[in-house]
C-alpha atoms as a PDB file:
ATOM      1  CA  MET A   1     -18.109  -0.262  38.808  1.00  0.00           C
ATOM      2  CA  ARG A   2     -19.789  -1.927  36.078  1.00  0.00           C
ATOM      3  CA  LYS A   3     -19.039  -5.509  34.819  1.00  0.00           C
ATOM      4  CA  THR A   4     -18.871  -6.309  31.713  1.00  0.00           C
ATOM      5  CA  HIS A   5     -20.245  -9.994  30.738  1.00  0.00           C
ATOM      6  CA  PRO A   6     -16.868 -11.900  29.943  1.00  0.00           C
ATOM      7  CA  GLY A   7     -18.773 -13.743  26.327  1.00  0.00           C
ATOM      8  CA  LEU A   8     -19.224 -10.305  25.130  1.00  0.00           C
ATOM      9  CA  LEU A   9     -15.431  -9.361  25.922  1.00  0.00           C
ATOM     10  CA  GLY A  10     -14.018 -12.706  23.927  1.00  0.00           C
ATOM     11  CA  ARG A  11     -16.559 -11.938  21.058  1.00  0.00           C
ATOM     12  CA  PHE A  12     -14.920  -9.083  20.605  1.00  0.00           C
ATOM     13  CA  THR A  13     -11.816 -10.569  21.450  1.00  0.00           C
ATOM     14  CA  ARG A  14     -12.315 -12.815  18.486  1.00  0.00           C
ATOM     15  CA  PHE A  15     -13.358 -10.534  16.278  1.00  0.00           C
ATOM     16  CA  GLY A  16     -10.627  -8.752  16.021  1.00  0.00           C
ATOM     17  CA  ARG A  17      -8.419 -11.110  15.781  1.00  0.00           C
ATOM     18  CA  ALA A  18     -10.405 -12.438  12.731  1.00  0.00           C
ATOM     19  CA  MET A  19     -10.098  -8.881  11.809  1.00  0.00           C
ATOM     20  CA  THR A  20      -5.966  -8.595  11.968  1.00  0.00           C
ATOM     21  CA  VAL A  21      -5.997 -11.823   9.646  1.00  0.00           C
ATOM     22  CA  ALA A  22      -8.824 -10.823   7.252  1.00  0.00           C
ATOM     23  CA  ALA A  23      -6.080  -7.382   6.868  1.00  0.00           C
ATOM     24  CA  ALA A  24      -2.672  -9.335   6.560  1.00  0.00           C
ATOM     25  CA  ILE A  25      -4.194 -11.896   4.074  1.00  0.00           C
ATOM     26  CA  VAL A  26      -5.308  -8.808   1.649  1.00  0.00           C
ATOM     27  CA  MET A  27      -2.270  -6.898   2.016  1.00  0.00           C
ATOM     28  CA  ALA A  28      -0.184 -10.040   1.080  1.00  0.00           C
ATOM     29  CA  MET A  29      -1.990 -10.311  -1.800  1.00  0.00           C
ATOM     30  CA  PRO A  30      -0.094  -9.516  -4.966  1.00  0.00           C
ATOM     31  CA  THR A  31      -1.622  -7.428  -7.552  1.00  0.00           C
ATOM     32  CA  GLY A  32      -0.381  -6.232 -11.559  1.00  0.00           C
ATOM     33  CA  ALA A  33       2.059  -3.262 -11.498  1.00  0.00           C
ATOM     34  CA  LEU A  34       0.438  -0.892 -14.403  1.00  0.00           C
ATOM     35  CA  ALA A  35       2.742   1.955 -14.066  1.00  0.00           C
ATOM     36  CA  CYS A  36       4.946   3.844 -16.837  1.00  0.00           C
ATOM     37  CA  THR A  37       8.368   5.105 -15.723  1.00  0.00           C
ATOM     38  CA  GLN A  38       9.204   8.986 -17.510  1.00  0.00           C
ATOM     39  CA  ILE A  39      12.145  10.745 -17.637  1.00  0.00           C
ATOM     40  CA  TYR A  40      13.343  14.170 -18.242  1.00  0.00           C
ATOM     41  CA  MET A  41      16.630  15.709 -18.949  1.00  0.00           C
ATOM     42  CA  GLY A  42      16.939  19.004 -19.222  1.00  0.00           C
ATOM     43  CA  LYS A  43      19.232  21.509 -21.812  1.00  0.00           C
ATOM     44  CA  GLY A  44      22.184  21.487 -18.749  1.00  0.00           C
ATOM     45  CA  VAL A  45      22.474  17.837 -18.783  1.00  0.00           C
ATOM     46  CA  THR A  46      22.982  16.675 -21.838  1.00  0.00           C
ATOM     47  CA  ASP A  47      26.274  18.115 -24.341  1.00  0.00           C
ATOM     48  CA  THR A  48      23.974  19.463 -27.159  1.00  0.00           C
ATOM     49  CA  GLY A  49      21.612  21.124 -25.094  1.00  0.00           C
ATOM     50  CA  ASP A  50      18.642  19.386 -26.301  1.00  0.00           C
ATOM     51  CA  THR A  51      16.016  18.338 -23.850  1.00  0.00           C
ATOM     52  CA  TYR A  52      14.535  14.321 -23.750  1.00  0.00           C
ATOM     53  CA  VAL A  53      11.144  13.507 -22.292  1.00  0.00           C
ATOM     54  CA  GLY A  54      11.580   9.618 -22.714  1.00  0.00           C
ATOM     55  CA  ARG A  55       8.621   6.928 -21.301  1.00  0.00           C
ATOM     56  CA  SER A  56       8.382   3.548 -20.792  1.00  0.00           C
END
């Protein structure tokens, strides 16, 4: 059976923890939302039978 070097395993564990913390920090950073909202109402929805499309 092959033995692993204890120092090498410790380095991989520290690297994995550091990557996990870095990923959590990046995911927690706020970002701006640059999206618009589109609304569509077809003929069957309005009383007059008009179709409306709106963006904001």
